[in-house]
Amino acid sequence: MAKTETQIGIRVTWEFKEQLEAQAAKERRPVSNMIRKVLEDYLESQKNAD
């Protein structure tokens, strides 16, 4: 079975990570899911801006 997803890594400050975790907890979702949604929304808005 072929993989349909891949991983990327980024470095952030401890403070930024804590903010991400706090927001994800408020939304009851994993941090990775929240980040993916934010990035998808950003890319979609940029596509519409062109």
PDB file of N, CA and C in Angstrom:
ATOM      1  N   MET A   1       0.844  -1.185   0.000  1.00  0.00           N
ATOM      2  CA  MET A   1       0.000   0.000   0.000  1.00  0.00           C
ATOM      3  C   MET A   1       0.888   1.245   0.000  1.00  0.00           C
ATOM      4  N   ALA A   2       0.675   2.123  -0.955  1.00  0.00           N
ATOM      5  CA  ALA A   2       1.484   3.339  -1.086  1.00  0.00           C
ATOM      6  C   ALA A   2       1.103   4.367  -0.034  1.00  0.00           C
ATOM      7  N   LYS A   3       2.106   5.060   0.485  1.00  0.00           N
ATOM      8  CA  LYS A   3       1.841   6.133   1.440  1.00  0.00           C
ATOM      9  C   LYS A   3       1.281   7.339   0.705  1.00  0.00           C
ATOM     10  N   THR A   4       0.307   7.982   1.312  1.00  0.00           N
ATOM     11  CA  THR A   4      -0.293   9.168   0.694  1.00  0.00           C
ATOM     12  C   THR A   4       0.075  10.447   1.432  1.00  0.00           C
ATOM     13  N   GLU A   5       0.819  10.317   2.510  1.00  0.00           N
ATOM     14  CA  GLU A   5       1.225  11.487   3.289  1.00  0.00           C
ATOM     15  C   GLU A   5       2.715  11.425   3.558  1.00  0.00           C
ATOM     16  N   THR A   6       3.278  12.583   3.872  1.00  0.00           N
ATOM     17  CA  THR A   6       4.683  12.675   4.234  1.00  0.00           C
ATOM     18  C   THR A   6       4.817  13.644   5.404  1.00  0.00           C
ATOM     19  N   GLN A   7       5.990  13.731   5.967  1.00  0.00           N
ATOM     20  CA  GLN A   7       6.227  14.604   7.109  1.00  0.00           C
ATOM     21  C   GLN A   7       7.161  15.731   6.737  1.00  0.00           C
ATOM     22  N   ILE A   8       6.990  16.868   7.423  1.00  0.00           N
ATOM     23  CA  ILE A   8       7.944  17.961   7.363  1.00  0.00           C
ATOM     24  C   ILE A   8       8.242  18.364   8.802  1.00  0.00           C
ATOM     25  N   GLY A   9       9.374  18.963   9.004  1.00  0.00           N
ATOM     26  CA  GLY A   9       9.746  19.398  10.353  1.00  0.00           C
ATOM     27  C   GLY A   9      10.053  20.883  10.366  1.00  0.00           C
ATOM     28  N   ILE A  10       9.691  21.546  11.440  1.00  0.00           N
ATOM     29  CA  ILE A  10      10.023  22.962  11.613  1.00  0.00           C
ATOM     30  C   ILE A  10      10.522  23.168  13.031  1.00  0.00           C
ATOM     31  N   ARG A  11      11.283  24.215  13.223  1.00  0.00           N
ATOM     32  CA  ARG A  11      11.743  24.575  14.569  1.00  0.00           C
ATOM     33  C   ARG A  11      10.985  25.808  15.018  1.00  0.00           C
ATOM     34  N   VAL A  12      10.531  25.768  16.260  1.00  0.00           N
ATOM     35  CA  VAL A  12       9.829  26.906  16.862  1.00  0.00           C
ATOM     36  C   VAL A  12      10.361  27.100  18.274  1.00  0.00           C
ATOM     37  N   THR A  13      10.097  28.258  18.829  1.00  0.00           N
ATOM     38  CA  THR A  13      10.508  28.501  20.218  1.00  0.00           C
ATOM     39  C   THR A  13       9.622  27.690  21.151  1.00  0.00           C
ATOM     40  N   TRP A  14      10.096  27.496  22.377  1.00  0.00           N
ATOM     41  CA  TRP A  14       9.291  26.801  23.379  1.00  0.00           C
ATOM     42  C   TRP A  14       7.983  27.552  23.618  1.00  0.00           C
ATOM     43  N   GLU A  15       8.059  28.879  23.639  1.00  0.00           N
ATOM     44  CA  GLU A  15       6.870  29.683  23.877  1.00  0.00           C
ATOM     45  C   GLU A  15       5.842  29.479  22.762  1.00  0.00           C
ATOM     46  N   PHE A  16       6.309  29.483  21.528  1.00  0.00           N
ATOM     47  CA  PHE A  16       5.408  29.285  20.390  1.00  0.00           C
ATOM     48  C   PHE A  16       4.769  27.902  20.451  1.00  0.00           C
ATOM     49  N   LYS A  17       5.560  26.892  20.789  1.00  0.00           N
ATOM     50  CA  LYS A  17       5.036  25.524  20.919  1.00  0.00           C
ATOM     51  C   LYS A  17       3.964  25.458  21.998  1.00  0.00           C
ATOM     52  N   GLU A  18       4.195  26.122  23.098  1.00  0.00           N
ATOM     53  CA  GLU A  18       3.197  26.137  24.173  1.00  0.00           C
ATOM     54  C   GLU A  18       1.904  26.803  23.714  1.00  0.00           C
ATOM     55  N   GLN A  19       2.033  27.876  22.929  1.00  0.00           N
ATOM     56  CA  GLN A  19       0.844  28.550  22.408  1.00  0.00           C
ATOM     57  C   GLN A  19       0.085  27.643  21.445  1.00  0.00           C
ATOM     58  N   LEU A  20       0.812  26.934  20.587  1.00  0.00           N
ATOM     59  CA  LEU A  20       0.176  25.986  19.673  1.00  0.00           C
ATOM     60  C   LEU A  20      -0.563  24.898  20.442  1.00  0.00           C
ATOM     61  N   GLU A  21       0.087  24.354  21.460  1.00  0.00           N
ATOM     62  CA  GLU A  21      -0.528  23.286  22.249  1.00  0.00           C
ATOM     63  C   GLU A  21      -1.761  23.783  22.988  1.00  0.00           C
ATOM     64  N   ALA A  22      -1.701  25.000  23.516  1.00  0.00           N
ATOM     65  CA  ALA A  22      -2.841  25.556  24.231  1.00  0.00           C
ATOM     66  C   ALA A  22      -4.028  25.758  23.294  1.00  0.00           C
ATOM     67  N   GLN A  23      -3.763  26.290  22.100  1.00  0.00           N
ATOM     68  CA  GLN A  23      -4.843  26.514  21.145  1.00  0.00           C
ATOM     69  C   GLN A  23      -5.424  25.186  20.663  1.00  0.00           C
ATOM     70  N   ALA A  24      -4.565  24.231  20.399  1.00  0.00           N
ATOM     71  CA  ALA A  24      -5.038  22.913  19.966  1.00  0.00           C
ATOM     72  C   ALA A  24      -5.914  22.271  21.048  1.00  0.00           C
ATOM     73  N   ALA A  25      -5.512  22.423  22.296  1.00  0.00           N
ATOM     74  CA  ALA A  25      -6.303  21.872  23.391  1.00  0.00           C
ATOM     75  C   ALA A  25      -7.680  22.530  23.464  1.00  0.00           C
ATOM     76  N   LYS A  26      -7.728  23.847  23.266  1.00  0.00           N
ATOM     77  CA  LYS A  26      -9.012  24.558  23.260  1.00  0.00           C
ATOM     78  C   LYS A  26      -9.927  24.025  22.169  1.00  0.00           C
ATOM     79  N   GLU A  27      -9.328  23.675  21.036  1.00  0.00           N
ATOM     80  CA  GLU A  27     -10.099  23.184  19.895  1.00  0.00           C
ATOM     81  C   GLU A  27     -10.274  21.667  19.916  1.00  0.00           C
ATOM     82  N   ARG A  28      -9.726  21.035  20.947  1.00  0.00           N
ATOM     83  CA  ARG A  28      -9.798  19.581  21.104  1.00  0.00           C
ATOM     84  C   ARG A  28      -9.337  18.852  19.849  1.00  0.00           C
ATOM     85  N   ARG A  29      -8.137  19.218  19.393  1.00  0.00           N
ATOM     86  CA  ARG A  29      -7.560  18.569  18.219  1.00  0.00           C
ATOM     87  C   ARG A  29      -6.061  18.457  18.417  1.00  0.00           C
ATOM     88  N   PRO A  30      -5.424  17.549  17.704  1.00  0.00           N
ATOM     89  CA  PRO A  30      -3.968  17.448  17.780  1.00  0.00           C
ATOM     90  C   PRO A  30      -3.304  18.692  17.173  1.00  0.00           C
ATOM     91  N   VAL A  31      -2.136  19.030  17.680  1.00  0.00           N
ATOM     92  CA  VAL A  31      -1.395  20.181  17.162  1.00  0.00           C
ATOM     93  C   VAL A  31      -1.151  20.008  15.658  1.00  0.00           C
ATOM     94  N   SER A  32      -0.769  18.827  15.239  1.00  0.00           N
ATOM     95  CA  SER A  32      -0.475  18.604  13.818  1.00  0.00           C
ATOM     96  C   SER A  32      -1.697  18.856  12.946  1.00  0.00           C
ATOM     97  N   ASN A  33      -2.867  18.474  13.424  1.00  0.00           N
ATOM     98  CA  ASN A  33      -4.102  18.712  12.670  1.00  0.00           C
ATOM     99  C   ASN A  33      -4.400  20.196  12.563  1.00  0.00           C
ATOM    100  N   MET A  34      -4.205  20.916  13.654  1.00  0.00           N
ATOM    101  CA  MET A  34      -4.458  22.356  13.654  1.00  0.00           C
ATOM    102  C   MET A  34      -3.500  23.071  12.702  1.00  0.00           C
ATOM    103  N   ILE A  35      -2.227  22.707  12.746  1.00  0.00           N
ATOM    104  CA  ILE A  35      -1.238  23.335  11.872  1.00  0.00           C
ATOM    105  C   ILE A  35      -1.572  23.047  10.408  1.00  0.00           C
ATOM    106  N   ARG A  36      -1.936  21.802  10.107  1.00  0.00           N
ATOM    107  CA  ARG A  36      -2.291  21.456   8.729  1.00  0.00           C
ATOM    108  C   ARG A  36      -3.470  22.281   8.238  1.00  0.00           C
ATOM    109  N   LYS A  37      -4.481  22.459   9.074  1.00  0.00           N
ATOM    110  CA  LYS A  37      -5.660  23.246   8.703  1.00  0.00           C
ATOM    111  C   LYS A  37      -5.284  24.710   8.456  1.00  0.00           C
ATOM    112  N   VAL A  38      -4.474  25.272   9.328  1.00  0.00           N
ATOM    113  CA  VAL A  38      -4.039  26.670   9.156  1.00  0.00           C
ATOM    114  C   VAL A  38      -3.269  26.831   7.847  1.00  0.00           C
ATOM    115  N   LEU A  39      -2.367  25.892   7.555  1.00  0.00           N
ATOM    116  CA  LEU A  39      -1.594  25.969   6.323  1.00  0.00           C
ATOM    117  C   LEU A  39      -2.470  25.776   5.088  1.00  0.00           C
ATOM    118  N   GLU A  40      -3.425  24.854   5.153  1.00  0.00           N
ATOM    119  CA  GLU A  40      -4.347  24.658   4.036  1.00  0.00           C
ATOM    120  C   GLU A  40      -5.147  25.934   3.773  1.00  0.00           C
ATOM    121  N   ASP A  41      -5.645  26.551   4.831  1.00  0.00           N
ATOM    122  CA  ASP A  41      -6.413  27.794   4.692  1.00  0.00           C
ATOM    123  C   ASP A  41      -5.548  28.897   4.078  1.00  0.00           C
ATOM    124  N   TYR A  42      -4.297  28.986   4.524  1.00  0.00           N
ATOM    125  CA  TYR A  42      -3.394  30.002   3.993  1.00  0.00           C
ATOM    126  C   TYR A  42      -3.152  29.790   2.499  1.00  0.00           C
ATOM    127  N   LEU A  43      -2.826  28.554   2.121  1.00  0.00           N
ATOM    128  CA  LEU A  43      -2.564  28.266   0.716  1.00  0.00           C
ATOM    129  C   LEU A  43      -3.797  28.531  -0.150  1.00  0.00           C
ATOM    130  N   GLU A  44      -4.946  28.195   0.350  1.00  0.00           N
ATOM    131  CA  GLU A  44      -6.187  28.455  -0.392  1.00  0.00           C
ATOM    132  C   GLU A  44      -6.416  29.958  -0.564  1.00  0.00           C
ATOM    133  N   SER A  45      -6.153  30.728   0.473  1.00  0.00           N
ATOM    134  CA  SER A  45      -6.341  32.185   0.378  1.00  0.00           C
ATOM    135  C   SER A  45      -5.347  32.799  -0.596  1.00  0.00           C
ATOM    136  N   GLN A  46      -4.128  32.253  -0.669  1.00  0.00           N
ATOM    137  CA  GLN A  46      -3.125  32.753  -1.601  1.00  0.00           C
ATOM    138  C   GLN A  46      -3.486  32.395  -3.040  1.00  0.00           C
ATOM    139  N   LYS A  47      -4.067  31.221  -3.225  1.00  0.00           N
ATOM    140  CA  LYS A  47      -4.492  30.817  -4.556  1.00  0.00           C
ATOM    141  C   LYS A  47      -5.588  31.757  -5.064  1.00  0.00           C
ATOM    142  N   ASN A  48      -6.477  32.140  -4.180  1.00  0.00           N
ATOM    143  CA  ASN A  48      -7.570  33.052  -4.541  1.00  0.00           C
ATOM    144  C   ASN A  48      -7.098  34.481  -4.726  1.00  0.00           C
ATOM    145  N   ALA A  49      -5.932  34.827  -4.156  1.00  0.00           N
ATOM    146  CA  ALA A  49      -5.413  36.187  -4.264  1.00  0.00           C
ATOM    147  C   ALA A  49      -4.721  36.427  -5.592  1.00  0.00           C
ATOM    148  N   ASP A  50      -4.319  35.368  -6.262  1.00  0.00           N
ATOM    149  CA  ASP A  50      -3.606  35.507  -7.541  1.00  0.00           C
ATOM    150  C   ASP A  50      -4.525  35.875  -8.683  1.00  0.00           C
TER     151      ASP A  50
END
